Amino acid sequence: HVQLVESGGGSVQAGGSPTLSCAPSGYTYMGWIRQRPGKEHEGVAVIYTITGSTGYADSVKGRFTISRDNAKNTLYLQMDSLKSEDTALYYCAASSSGLTLGYWGQGTQVTVS
């Protein structure tokens, strides 16, 4: 039974820089997916934990950073220069093989005002 637990969401002012966390992080591929109000799910960032290679959606490139702390077994999403359109429910997701992230957490809400 896979259980991913996110934390770090909340209400943030535009321009703020919160960090989301997710544990555990011992999967081959891990990422963050968000669902904005009235929108489809959107892949935000992904990391191939074997090499540390990362990828980002164009909408967050240069503002968000995905990383993993092996010692703490935790995945992070550092979000900088937040905009109102970043308001969403953010999910941590993982896969043991392949880029289809089949394991999801319960989500953490980020509201930018």
PDB file of N, CA and C in Angstrom:
ATOM      1  N   HIS A   1       0.845  -1.187   0.000  1.00  0.00           N
ATOM      2  CA  HIS A   1       0.000   0.000   0.000  1.00  0.00           C
ATOM      3  C   HIS A   1       0.878   1.234   0.000  1.00  0.00           C
ATOM      4  N   VAL A   2       0.754   2.046  -1.053  1.00  0.00           N
ATOM      5  CA  VAL A   2       1.563   3.252  -1.182  1.00  0.00           C
ATOM      6  C   VAL A   2       0.808   4.420  -0.574  1.00  0.00           C
ATOM      7  N   GLN A   3       1.465   5.142   0.307  1.00  0.00           N
ATOM      8  CA  GLN A   3       0.839   6.325   0.892  1.00  0.00           C
ATOM      9  C   GLN A   3       1.808   7.486   0.830  1.00  0.00           C
ATOM     10  N   LEU A   4       1.487   8.440   0.000  1.00  0.00           N
ATOM     11  CA  LEU A   4       2.270   9.661  -0.111  1.00  0.00           C
ATOM     12  C   LEU A   4       1.551  10.754   0.657  1.00  0.00           C
ATOM     13  N   VAL A   5       2.290  11.492   1.455  1.00  0.00           N
ATOM     14  CA  VAL A   5       1.690  12.530   2.290  1.00  0.00           C
ATOM     15  C   VAL A   5       2.338  13.866   1.983  1.00  0.00           C
ATOM     16  N   GLU A   6       1.508  14.807   1.534  1.00  0.00           N
ATOM     17  CA  GLU A   6       1.997  16.144   1.219  1.00  0.00           C
ATOM     18  C   GLU A   6       1.771  17.084   2.408  1.00  0.00           C
ATOM     19  N   SER A   7       2.574  18.125   2.444  1.00  0.00           N
ATOM     20  CA  SER A   7       2.385  19.189   3.433  1.00  0.00           C
ATOM     21  C   SER A   7       2.961  20.473   2.875  1.00  0.00           C
ATOM     22  N   GLY A   8       2.618  21.591   3.516  1.00  0.00           N
ATOM     23  CA  GLY A   8       3.206  22.865   3.130  1.00  0.00           C
ATOM     24  C   GLY A   8       2.286  23.795   2.377  1.00  0.00           C
ATOM     25  N   GLY A   9       1.083  23.364   2.090  1.00  0.00           N
ATOM     26  CA  GLY A   9       0.148  24.232   1.395  1.00  0.00           C
ATOM     27  C   GLY A   9      -0.439  25.272   2.321  1.00  0.00           C
ATOM     28  N   GLY A  10      -1.296  26.108   1.766  1.00  0.00           N
ATOM     29  CA  GLY A  10      -1.952  27.134   2.551  1.00  0.00           C
ATOM     30  C   GLY A  10      -2.222  28.364   1.715  1.00  0.00           C
ATOM     31  N   SER A  11      -2.523  29.458   2.397  1.00  0.00           N
ATOM     32  CA  SER A  11      -2.769  30.726   1.715  1.00  0.00           C
ATOM     33  C   SER A  11      -1.480  31.522   1.647  1.00  0.00           C
ATOM     34  N   VAL A  12      -1.169  32.009   0.465  1.00  0.00           N
ATOM     35  CA  VAL A  12       0.088  32.710   0.226  1.00  0.00           C
ATOM     36  C   VAL A  12      -0.200  33.966  -0.584  1.00  0.00           C
ATOM     37  N   GLN A  13       0.547  35.000  -0.324  1.00  0.00           N
ATOM     38  CA  GLN A  13       0.420  36.218  -1.120  1.00  0.00           C
ATOM     39  C   GLN A  13       1.140  36.064  -2.439  1.00  0.00           C
ATOM     40  N   ALA A  14       0.646  36.721  -3.439  1.00  0.00           N
ATOM     41  CA  ALA A  14       1.322  36.725  -4.739  1.00  0.00           C
ATOM     42  C   ALA A  14       2.771  37.172  -4.549  1.00  0.00           C
ATOM     43  N   GLY A  15       3.668  36.477  -5.232  1.00  0.00           N
ATOM     44  CA  GLY A  15       5.087  36.766  -5.080  1.00  0.00           C
ATOM     45  C   GLY A  15       5.764  35.958  -3.998  1.00  0.00           C
ATOM     46  N   GLY A  16       4.970  35.222  -3.218  1.00  0.00           N
ATOM     47  CA  GLY A  16       5.506  34.430  -2.126  1.00  0.00           C
ATOM     48  C   GLY A  16       6.277  33.217  -2.610  1.00  0.00           C
ATOM     49  N   SER A  17       6.937  32.529  -1.655  1.00  0.00           N
ATOM     50  CA  SER A  17       7.808  31.399  -1.998  1.00  0.00           C
ATOM     51  C   SER A  17       7.643  30.230  -1.019  1.00  0.00           C
ATOM     52  N   PRO A  18       6.511  29.586  -1.032  1.00  0.00           N
ATOM     53  CA  PRO A  18       6.337  28.436  -0.150  1.00  0.00           C
ATOM     54  C   PRO A  18       7.024  27.199  -0.713  1.00  0.00           C
ATOM     55  N   THR A  19       7.192  26.219   0.148  1.00  0.00           N
ATOM     56  CA  THR A  19       7.756  24.936  -0.258  1.00  0.00           C
ATOM     57  C   THR A  19       6.802  23.821   0.148  1.00  0.00           C
ATOM     58  N   LEU A  20       6.468  22.978  -0.811  1.00  0.00           N
ATOM     59  CA  LEU A  20       5.661  21.796  -0.531  1.00  0.00           C
ATOM     60  C   LEU A  20       6.585  20.632  -0.257  1.00  0.00           C
ATOM     61  N   SER A  21       6.144  19.738   0.625  1.00  0.00           N
ATOM     62  CA  SER A  21       6.920  18.545   0.949  1.00  0.00           C
ATOM     63  C   SER A  21       6.065  17.316   0.734  1.00  0.00           C
ATOM     64  N   CYS A  22       6.722  16.203   0.483  1.00  0.00           N
ATOM     65  CA  CYS A  22       6.027  14.929   0.281  1.00  0.00           C
ATOM     66  C   CYS A  22       6.929  13.806   0.760  1.00  0.00           C
ATOM     67  N   ALA A  23       6.336  12.909   1.523  1.00  0.00           N
ATOM     68  CA  ALA A  23       7.086  11.747   1.994  1.00  0.00           C
ATOM     69  C   ALA A  23       6.224  10.507   1.868  1.00  0.00           C
ATOM     70  N   PRO A  24       6.824   9.333   1.635  1.00  0.00           N
ATOM     71  CA  PRO A  24       8.246   9.119   1.399  1.00  0.00           C
ATOM     72  C   PRO A  24       8.623   9.440  -0.048  1.00  0.00           C
ATOM     73  N   SER A  25       9.913   9.401  -0.343  1.00  0.00           N
ATOM     74  CA  SER A  25      10.357   9.791  -1.680  1.00  0.00           C
ATOM     75  C   SER A  25      11.236   8.740  -2.334  1.00  0.00           C
ATOM     76  N   GLY A  26      11.117   7.512  -1.945  1.00  0.00           N
ATOM     77  CA  GLY A  26      11.993   6.466  -2.457  1.00  0.00           C
ATOM     78  C   GLY A  26      11.554   5.792  -3.735  1.00  0.00           C
ATOM     79  N   TYR A  27      10.973   6.551  -4.653  1.00  0.00           N
ATOM     80  CA  TYR A  27      10.498   5.997  -5.923  1.00  0.00           C
ATOM     81  C   TYR A  27      11.385   6.471  -7.065  1.00  0.00           C
ATOM     82  N   THR A  28      11.360   5.741  -8.169  1.00  0.00           N
ATOM     83  CA  THR A  28      12.224   6.058  -9.296  1.00  0.00           C
ATOM     84  C   THR A  28      11.840   7.379  -9.945  1.00  0.00           C
ATOM     85  N   TYR A  29      10.572   7.569 -10.182  1.00  0.00           N
ATOM     86  CA  TYR A  29      10.073   8.829 -10.736  1.00  0.00           C
ATOM     87  C   TYR A  29       9.119   9.458  -9.713  1.00  0.00           C
ATOM     88  N   MET A  30       9.314  10.726  -9.471  1.00  0.00           N
ATOM     89  CA  MET A  30       8.398  11.440  -8.576  1.00  0.00           C
ATOM     90  C   MET A  30       8.088  12.794  -9.171  1.00  0.00           C
ATOM     91  N   GLY A  31       6.929  13.302  -8.825  1.00  0.00           N
ATOM     92  CA  GLY A  31       6.564  14.581  -9.394  1.00  0.00           C
ATOM     93  C   GLY A  31       5.441  15.266  -8.641  1.00  0.00           C
ATOM     94  N   TRP A  32       5.090  16.421  -9.152  1.00  0.00           N
ATOM     95  CA  TRP A  32       3.987  17.207  -8.618  1.00  0.00           C
ATOM     96  C   TRP A  32       2.990  17.479  -9.735  1.00  0.00           C
ATOM     97  N   ILE A  33       1.744  17.244  -9.414  1.00  0.00           N
ATOM     98  CA  ILE A  33       0.644  17.458 -10.346  1.00  0.00           C
ATOM     99  C   ILE A  33      -0.338  18.394  -9.658  1.00  0.00           C
ATOM    100  N   ARG A  34      -0.913  19.306 -10.406  1.00  0.00           N
ATOM    101  CA  ARG A  34      -1.860  20.220  -9.782  1.00  0.00           C
ATOM    102  C   ARG A  34      -3.172  20.246 -10.560  1.00  0.00           C
ATOM    103  N   GLN A  35      -4.198  20.646  -9.863  1.00  0.00           N
ATOM    104  CA  GLN A  35      -5.492  20.852 -10.502  1.00  0.00           C
ATOM    105  C   GLN A  35      -5.995  22.228 -10.106  1.00  0.00           C
ATOM    106  N   ARG A  36      -6.006  23.124 -11.069  1.00  0.00           N
ATOM    107  CA  ARG A  36      -6.516  24.465 -10.830  1.00  0.00           C
ATOM    108  C   ARG A  36      -8.025  24.450 -10.916  1.00  0.00           C
ATOM    109  N   PRO A  37      -8.700  25.390 -10.297  1.00  0.00           N
ATOM    110  CA  PRO A  37     -10.172  25.411 -10.304  1.00  0.00           C
ATOM    111  C   PRO A  37     -10.720  25.357 -11.727  1.00  0.00           C
ATOM    112  N   GLY A  38     -11.555  24.394 -11.975  1.00  0.00           N
ATOM    113  CA  GLY A  38     -12.193  24.269 -13.270  1.00  0.00           C
ATOM    114  C   GLY A  38     -11.306  23.750 -14.379  1.00  0.00           C
ATOM    115  N   LYS A  39     -10.101  23.303 -14.030  1.00  0.00           N
ATOM    116  CA  LYS A  39      -9.151  22.848 -15.054  1.00  0.00           C
ATOM    117  C   LYS A  39      -8.834  21.366 -14.887  1.00  0.00           C
ATOM    118  N   GLU A  40      -8.213  20.792 -15.907  1.00  0.00           N
ATOM    119  CA  GLU A  40      -7.744  19.417 -15.844  1.00  0.00           C
ATOM    120  C   GLU A  40      -6.477  19.340 -14.985  1.00  0.00           C
ATOM    121  N   HIS A  41      -6.146  18.118 -14.604  1.00  0.00           N
ATOM    122  CA  HIS A  41      -4.872  17.921 -13.919  1.00  0.00           C
ATOM    123  C   HIS A  41      -3.716  18.310 -14.833  1.00  0.00           C
ATOM    124  N   GLU A  42      -2.705  18.902 -14.256  1.00  0.00           N
ATOM    125  CA  GLU A  42      -1.554  19.396 -15.020  1.00  0.00           C
ATOM    126  C   GLU A  42      -0.266  18.940 -14.346  1.00  0.00           C
ATOM    127  N   GLY A  43       0.578  18.265 -15.079  1.00  0.00           N
ATOM    128  CA  GLY A  43       1.892  17.912 -14.552  1.00  0.00           C
ATOM    129  C   GLY A  43       2.727  19.163 -14.394  1.00  0.00           C
ATOM    130  N   VAL A  44       3.271  19.378 -13.218  1.00  0.00           N
ATOM    131  CA  VAL A  44       4.017  20.596 -12.924  1.00  0.00           C
ATOM    132  C   VAL A  44       5.518  20.353 -12.983  1.00  0.00           C
ATOM    133  N   ALA A  45       5.969  19.293 -12.330  1.00  0.00           N
ATOM    134  CA  ALA A  45       7.402  19.010 -12.273  1.00  0.00           C
ATOM    135  C   ALA A  45       7.603  17.527 -12.025  1.00  0.00           C
ATOM    136  N   VAL A  46       8.707  17.013 -12.541  1.00  0.00           N
ATOM    137  CA  VAL A  46       9.020  15.601 -12.365  1.00  0.00           C
ATOM    138  C   VAL A  46      10.521  15.460 -12.146  1.00  0.00           C
ATOM    139  N   ILE A  47      10.910  14.448 -11.390  1.00  0.00           N
ATOM    140  CA  ILE A  47      12.317  14.169 -11.155  1.00  0.00           C
ATOM    141  C   ILE A  47      12.571  12.679 -11.320  1.00  0.00           C
ATOM    142  N   TYR A  48      13.635  12.358 -12.044  1.00  0.00           N
ATOM    143  CA  TYR A  48      14.111  10.981 -12.166  1.00  0.00           C
ATOM    144  C   TYR A  48      15.139  10.822 -11.068  1.00  0.00           C
ATOM    145  N   THR A  49      14.769  10.140 -10.016  1.00  0.00           N
ATOM    146  CA  THR A  49      15.581  10.188  -8.806  1.00  0.00           C
ATOM    147  C   THR A  49      16.917   9.466  -8.937  1.00  0.00           C
ATOM    148  N   ILE A  50      17.063   8.618  -9.953  1.00  0.00           N
ATOM    149  CA  ILE A  50      18.335   7.908 -10.129  1.00  0.00           C
ATOM    150  C   ILE A  50      19.444   8.888 -10.512  1.00  0.00           C
ATOM    151  N   THR A  51      19.121   9.815 -11.390  1.00  0.00           N
ATOM    152  CA  THR A  51      20.125  10.761 -11.877  1.00  0.00           C
ATOM    153  C   THR A  51      19.904  12.180 -11.363  1.00  0.00           C
ATOM    154  N   GLY A  52      18.697  12.452 -10.886  1.00  0.00           N
ATOM    155  CA  GLY A  52      18.371  13.816 -10.469  1.00  0.00           C
ATOM    156  C   GLY A  52      17.866  14.689 -11.600  1.00  0.00           C
ATOM    157  N   SER A  53      17.681  14.108 -12.784  1.00  0.00           N
ATOM    158  CA  SER A  53      17.167  14.879 -13.912  1.00  0.00           C
ATOM    159  C   SER A  53      15.749  15.360 -13.612  1.00  0.00           C
ATOM    160  N   THR A  54      15.462  16.582 -14.035  1.00  0.00           N
ATOM    161  CA  THR A  54      14.156  17.176 -13.748  1.00  0.00           C
ATOM    162  C   THR A  54      13.512  17.717 -15.016  1.00  0.00           C
ATOM    163  N   GLY A  55      12.215  17.895 -14.944  1.00  0.00           N
ATOM    164  CA  GLY A  55      11.465  18.498 -16.033  1.00  0.00           C
ATOM    165  C   GLY A  55      10.337  19.329 -15.469  1.00  0.00           C
ATOM    166  N   TYR A  56       9.963  20.375 -16.194  1.00  0.00           N
ATOM    167  CA  TYR A  56       8.954  21.304 -15.692  1.00  0.00           C
ATOM    168  C   TYR A  56       7.962  21.685 -16.787  1.00  0.00           C
ATOM    169  N   ALA A  57       6.761  21.977 -16.357  1.00  0.00           N
ATOM    170  CA  ALA A  57       5.786  22.559 -17.272  1.00  0.00           C
ATOM    171  C   ALA A  57       6.239  23.970 -17.614  1.00  0.00           C
ATOM    172  N   ASP A  58       5.922  24.412 -18.822  1.00  0.00           N
ATOM    173  CA  ASP A  58       6.321  25.754 -19.245  1.00  0.00           C
ATOM    174  C   ASP A  58       5.763  26.822 -18.312  1.00  0.00           C
ATOM    175  N   SER A  59       4.594  26.549 -17.747  1.00  0.00           N
ATOM    176  CA  SER A  59       3.921  27.538 -16.912  1.00  0.00           C
ATOM    177  C   SER A  59       4.669  27.813 -15.599  1.00  0.00           C
ATOM    178  N   VAL A  60       5.563  26.902 -15.202  1.00  0.00           N
ATOM    179  CA  VAL A  60       6.268  27.084 -13.933  1.00  0.00           C
ATOM    180  C   VAL A  60       7.783  27.112 -14.103  1.00  0.00           C
ATOM    181  N   LYS A  61       8.248  26.876 -15.296  1.00  0.00           N
ATOM    182  CA  LYS A  61       9.692  26.811 -15.542  1.00  0.00           C
ATOM    183  C   LYS A  61      10.358  28.120 -15.124  1.00  0.00           C
ATOM    184  N   GLY A  62      11.427  27.997 -14.358  1.00  0.00           N
ATOM    185  CA  GLY A  62      12.130  29.175 -13.875  1.00  0.00           C
ATOM    186  C   GLY A  62      11.595  29.702 -12.556  1.00  0.00           C
ATOM    187  N   ARG A  63      10.428  29.201 -12.121  1.00  0.00           N
ATOM    188  CA  ARG A  63       9.853  29.661 -10.855  1.00  0.00           C
ATOM    189  C   ARG A  63       9.762  28.540  -9.817  1.00  0.00           C
ATOM    190  N   PHE A  64       9.547  27.308 -10.273  1.00  0.00           N
ATOM    191  CA  PHE A  64       9.415  26.168  -9.367  1.00  0.00           C
ATOM    192  C   PHE A  64      10.654  25.281  -9.483  1.00  0.00           C
ATOM    193  N   THR A  65      11.020  24.654  -8.368  1.00  0.00           N
ATOM    194  CA  THR A  65      12.149  23.735  -8.350  1.00  0.00           C
ATOM    195  C   THR A  65      11.764  22.474  -7.595  1.00  0.00           C
ATOM    196  N   ILE A  66      11.920  21.325  -8.255  1.00  0.00           N
ATOM    197  CA  ILE A  66      11.653  20.049  -7.610  1.00  0.00           C
ATOM    198  C   ILE A  66      12.985  19.468  -7.141  1.00  0.00           C
ATOM    199  N   SER A  67      12.966  18.880  -5.945  1.00  0.00           N
ATOM    200  CA  SER A  67      14.194  18.293  -5.424  1.00  0.00           C
ATOM    201  C   SER A  67      13.838  17.190  -4.441  1.00  0.00           C
ATOM    202  N   ARG A  68      14.855  16.417  -4.095  1.00  0.00           N
ATOM    203  CA  ARG A  68      14.636  15.336  -3.144  1.00  0.00           C
ATOM    204  C   ARG A  68      15.789  15.304  -2.156  1.00  0.00           C
ATOM    205  N   ASP A  69      15.460  15.121  -0.902  1.00  0.00           N
ATOM    206  CA  ASP A  69      16.462  14.957   0.157  1.00  0.00           C
ATOM    207  C   ASP A  69      16.458  13.489   0.550  1.00  0.00           C
ATOM    208  N   ASN A  70      17.496  12.763   0.128  1.00  0.00           N
ATOM    209  CA  ASN A  70      17.541  11.321   0.391  1.00  0.00           C
ATOM    210  C   ASN A  70      17.581  11.030   1.890  1.00  0.00           C
ATOM    211  N   ALA A  71      18.322  11.828   2.624  1.00  0.00           N
ATOM    212  CA  ALA A  71      18.470  11.585   4.057  1.00  0.00           C
ATOM    213  C   ALA A  71      17.139  11.720   4.790  1.00  0.00           C
ATOM    214  N   LYS A  72      16.319  12.659   4.304  1.00  0.00           N
ATOM    215  CA  LYS A  72      15.024  12.886   4.945  1.00  0.00           C
ATOM    216  C   LYS A  72      13.901  12.127   4.247  1.00  0.00           C
ATOM    217  N   ASN A  73      14.266  11.436   3.143  1.00  0.00           N
ATOM    218  CA  ASN A  73      13.266  10.659   2.393  1.00  0.00           C
ATOM    219  C   ASN A  73      12.063  11.523   2.023  1.00  0.00           C
ATOM    220  N   THR A  74      12.366  12.739   1.560  1.00  0.00           N
ATOM    221  CA  THR A  74      11.321  13.718   1.299  1.00  0.00           C
ATOM    222  C   THR A  74      11.526  14.390  -0.048  1.00  0.00           C
ATOM    223  N   LEU A  75      10.426  14.586  -0.738  1.00  0.00           N
ATOM    224  CA  LEU A  75      10.404  15.306  -2.009  1.00  0.00           C
ATOM    225  C   LEU A  75       9.914  16.728  -1.743  1.00  0.00           C
ATOM    226  N   TYR A  76      10.465  17.690  -2.461  1.00  0.00           N
ATOM    227  CA  TYR A  76      10.086  19.082  -2.271  1.00  0.00           C
ATOM    228  C   TYR A  76       9.670  19.729  -3.589  1.00  0.00           C
ATOM    229  N   LEU A  77       8.853  20.750  -3.451  1.00  0.00           N
ATOM    230  CA  LEU A  77       8.584  21.643  -4.569  1.00  0.00           C
ATOM    231  C   LEU A  77       8.718  23.057  -4.038  1.00  0.00           C
ATOM    232  N   GLN A  78       9.821  23.695  -4.395  1.00  0.00           N
ATOM    233  CA  GLN A  78      10.035  25.092  -4.027  1.00  0.00           C
ATOM    234  C   GLN A  78       9.341  25.951  -5.069  1.00  0.00           C
ATOM    235  N   MET A  79       8.420  26.766  -4.609  1.00  0.00           N
ATOM    236  CA  MET A  79       7.650  27.605  -5.519  1.00  0.00           C
ATOM    237  C   MET A  79       8.011  29.061  -5.269  1.00  0.00           C
ATOM    238  N   ASP A  80       8.515  29.729  -6.259  1.00  0.00           N
ATOM    239  CA  ASP A  80       8.891  31.141  -6.148  1.00  0.00           C
ATOM    240  C   ASP A  80       8.005  31.992  -7.053  1.00  0.00           C
ATOM    241  N   SER A  81       7.928  33.264  -6.710  1.00  0.00           N
ATOM    242  CA  SER A  81       7.191  34.230  -7.533  1.00  0.00           C
ATOM    243  C   SER A  81       5.785  33.741  -7.865  1.00  0.00           C
ATOM    244  N   LEU A  82       5.082  33.328  -6.833  1.00  0.00           N
ATOM    245  CA  LEU A  82       3.756  32.774  -7.063  1.00  0.00           C
ATOM    246  C   LEU A  82       2.811  33.794  -7.675  1.00  0.00           C
ATOM    247  N   LYS A  83       1.940  33.282  -8.538  1.00  0.00           N
ATOM    248  CA  LYS A  83       0.925  34.090  -9.190  1.00  0.00           C
ATOM    249  C   LYS A  83      -0.450  33.546  -8.807  1.00  0.00           C
ATOM    250  N   SER A  84      -1.465  34.349  -9.028  1.00  0.00           N
ATOM    251  CA  SER A  84      -2.823  33.908  -8.697  1.00  0.00           C
ATOM    252  C   SER A  84      -3.189  32.644  -9.468  1.00  0.00           C
ATOM    253  N   GLU A  85      -2.659  32.516 -10.685  1.00  0.00           N
ATOM    254  CA  GLU A  85      -2.989  31.334 -11.491  1.00  0.00           C
ATOM    255  C   GLU A  85      -2.295  30.065 -11.012  1.00  0.00           C
ATOM    256  N   ASP A  86      -1.453  30.173  -9.999  1.00  0.00           N
ATOM    257  CA  ASP A  86      -0.854  28.993  -9.384  1.00  0.00           C
ATOM    258  C   ASP A  86      -1.763  28.400  -8.314  1.00  0.00           C
ATOM    259  N   THR A  87      -2.858  29.069  -8.020  1.00  0.00           N
ATOM    260  CA  THR A  87      -3.820  28.522  -7.063  1.00  0.00           C
ATOM    261  C   THR A  87      -4.333  27.181  -7.567  1.00  0.00           C
ATOM    262  N   ALA A  88      -4.169  26.156  -6.738  1.00  0.00           N
ATOM    263  CA  ALA A  88      -4.524  24.801  -7.165  1.00  0.00           C
ATOM    264  C   ALA A  88      -4.398  23.833  -6.003  1.00  0.00           C
ATOM    265  N   LEU A  89      -4.925  22.653  -6.231  1.00  0.00           N
ATOM    266  CA  LEU A  89      -4.676  21.525  -5.336  1.00  0.00           C
ATOM    267  C   LEU A  89      -3.454  20.810  -5.904  1.00  0.00           C
ATOM    268  N   TYR A  90      -2.409  20.712  -5.108  1.00  0.00           N
ATOM    269  CA  TYR A  90      -1.146  20.128  -5.554  1.00  0.00           C
ATOM    270  C   TYR A  90      -1.009  18.715  -5.002  1.00  0.00           C
ATOM    271  N   TYR A  91      -0.755  17.785  -5.914  1.00  0.00           N
ATOM    272  CA  TYR A  91      -0.591  16.384  -5.548  1.00  0.00           C
ATOM    273  C   TYR A  91       0.867  15.962  -5.740  1.00  0.00           C
ATOM    274  N   CYS A  92       1.358  15.205  -4.797  1.00  0.00           N
ATOM    275  CA  CYS A  92       2.616  14.497  -4.968  1.00  0.00           C
ATOM    276  C   CYS A  92       2.289  13.175  -5.655  1.00  0.00           C
ATOM    277  N   ALA A  93       3.119  12.771  -6.597  1.00  0.00           N
ATOM    278  CA  ALA A  93       2.857  11.531  -7.322  1.00  0.00           C
ATOM    279  C   ALA A  93       4.160  10.776  -7.541  1.00  0.00           C
ATOM    280  N   ALA A  94       4.045   9.482  -7.737  1.00  0.00           N
ATOM    281  CA  ALA A  94       5.246   8.660  -7.851  1.00  0.00           C
ATOM    282  C   ALA A  94       5.007   7.441  -8.725  1.00  0.00           C
ATOM    283  N   SER A  95       6.120   6.882  -9.173  1.00  0.00           N
ATOM    284  CA  SER A  95       6.092   5.642  -9.941  1.00  0.00           C
ATOM    285  C   SER A  95       7.395   4.896  -9.668  1.00  0.00           C
ATOM    286  N   SER A  96       7.283   3.573  -9.652  1.00  0.00           N
ATOM    287  CA  SER A  96       8.488   2.770  -9.501  1.00  0.00           C
ATOM    288  C   SER A  96       9.130   2.460 -10.842  1.00  0.00           C
ATOM    289  N   SER A  97       8.356   2.663 -11.930  1.00  0.00           N
ATOM    290  CA  SER A  97       8.903   2.440 -13.265  1.00  0.00           C
ATOM    291  C   SER A  97       8.074   3.239 -14.258  1.00  0.00           C
ATOM    292  N   GLY A  98       8.712   3.956 -15.123  1.00  0.00           N
ATOM    293  CA  GLY A  98       8.010   4.712 -16.136  1.00  0.00           C
ATOM    294  C   GLY A  98       7.489   6.045 -15.644  1.00  0.00           C
ATOM    295  N   LEU A  99       7.159   6.900 -16.601  1.00  0.00           N
ATOM    296  CA  LEU A  99       6.741   8.267 -16.277  1.00  0.00           C
ATOM    297  C   LEU A  99       5.257   8.387 -15.980  1.00  0.00           C
ATOM    298  N   THR A 100       4.520   7.300 -16.029  1.00  0.00           N
ATOM    299  CA  THR A 100       3.115   7.357 -15.610  1.00  0.00           C
ATOM    300  C   THR A 100       3.103   7.261 -14.092  1.00  0.00           C
ATOM    301  N   LEU A 101       2.848   8.391 -13.447  1.00  0.00           N
ATOM    302  CA  LEU A 101       2.904   8.445 -11.979  1.00  0.00           C
ATOM    303  C   LEU A 101       1.586   7.949 -11.419  1.00  0.00           C
ATOM    304  N   GLY A 102       1.574   6.688 -11.060  1.00  0.00           N
ATOM    305  CA  GLY A 102       0.323   6.056 -10.666  1.00  0.00           C
ATOM    306  C   GLY A 102      -0.035   6.174  -9.208  1.00  0.00           C
ATOM    307  N   TYR A 103       0.943   6.543  -8.379  1.00  0.00           N
ATOM    308  CA  TYR A 103       0.674   6.696  -6.943  1.00  0.00           C
ATOM    309  C   TYR A 103       0.533   8.183  -6.632  1.00  0.00           C
ATOM    310  N   TRP A 104      -0.557   8.539  -5.994  1.00  0.00           N
ATOM    311  CA  TRP A 104      -0.812   9.945  -5.684  1.00  0.00           C
ATOM    312  C   TRP A 104      -1.067  10.110  -4.197  1.00  0.00           C
ATOM    313  N   GLY A 105      -0.705  11.280  -3.674  1.00  0.00           N
ATOM    314  CA  GLY A 105      -1.081  11.653  -2.329  1.00  0.00           C
ATOM    315  C   GLY A 105      -2.488  12.227  -2.319  1.00  0.00           C
ATOM    316  N   GLN A 106      -2.878  12.727  -1.173  1.00  0.00           N
ATOM    317  CA  GLN A 106      -4.243  13.254  -1.033  1.00  0.00           C
ATOM    318  C   GLN A 106      -4.359  14.700  -1.493  1.00  0.00           C
ATOM    319  N   GLY A 107      -3.231  15.353  -1.702  1.00  0.00           N
ATOM    320  CA  GLY A 107      -3.235  16.727  -2.198  1.00  0.00           C
ATOM    321  C   GLY A 107      -3.136  17.756  -1.091  1.00  0.00           C
ATOM    322  N   THR A 108      -2.522  18.878  -1.430  1.00  0.00           N
ATOM    323  CA  THR A 108      -2.453  20.003  -0.500  1.00  0.00           C
ATOM    324  C   THR A 108      -2.817  21.275  -1.266  1.00  0.00           C
ATOM    325  N   GLN A 109      -3.688  22.064  -0.684  1.00  0.00           N
ATOM    326  CA  GLN A 109      -4.210  23.244  -1.373  1.00  0.00           C
ATOM    327  C   GLN A 109      -3.249  24.411  -1.228  1.00  0.00           C
ATOM    328  N   VAL A 110      -2.992  25.079  -2.344  1.00  0.00           N
ATOM    329  CA  VAL A 110      -2.230  26.327  -2.341  1.00  0.00           C
ATOM    330  C   VAL A 110      -3.133  27.405  -2.932  1.00  0.00           C
ATOM    331  N   THR A 111      -3.369  28.448  -2.165  1.00  0.00           N
ATOM    332  CA  THR A 111      -4.222  29.535  -2.604  1.00  0.00           C
ATOM    333  C   THR A 111      -3.407  30.817  -2.608  1.00  0.00           C
ATOM    334  N   VAL A 112      -3.308  31.433  -3.778  1.00  0.00           N
ATOM    335  CA  VAL A 112      -2.496  32.637  -3.933  1.00  0.00           C
ATOM    336  C   VAL A 112      -3.425  33.839  -4.063  1.00  0.00           C
ATOM    337  N   SER A 113      -3.223  34.816  -3.221  1.00  0.00           N
ATOM    338  CA  SER A 113      -4.083  36.004  -3.268  1.00  0.00           C
ATOM    339  C   SER A 113      -3.264  37.275  -3.396  1.00  0.00           C
TER     340      SER A 113
END
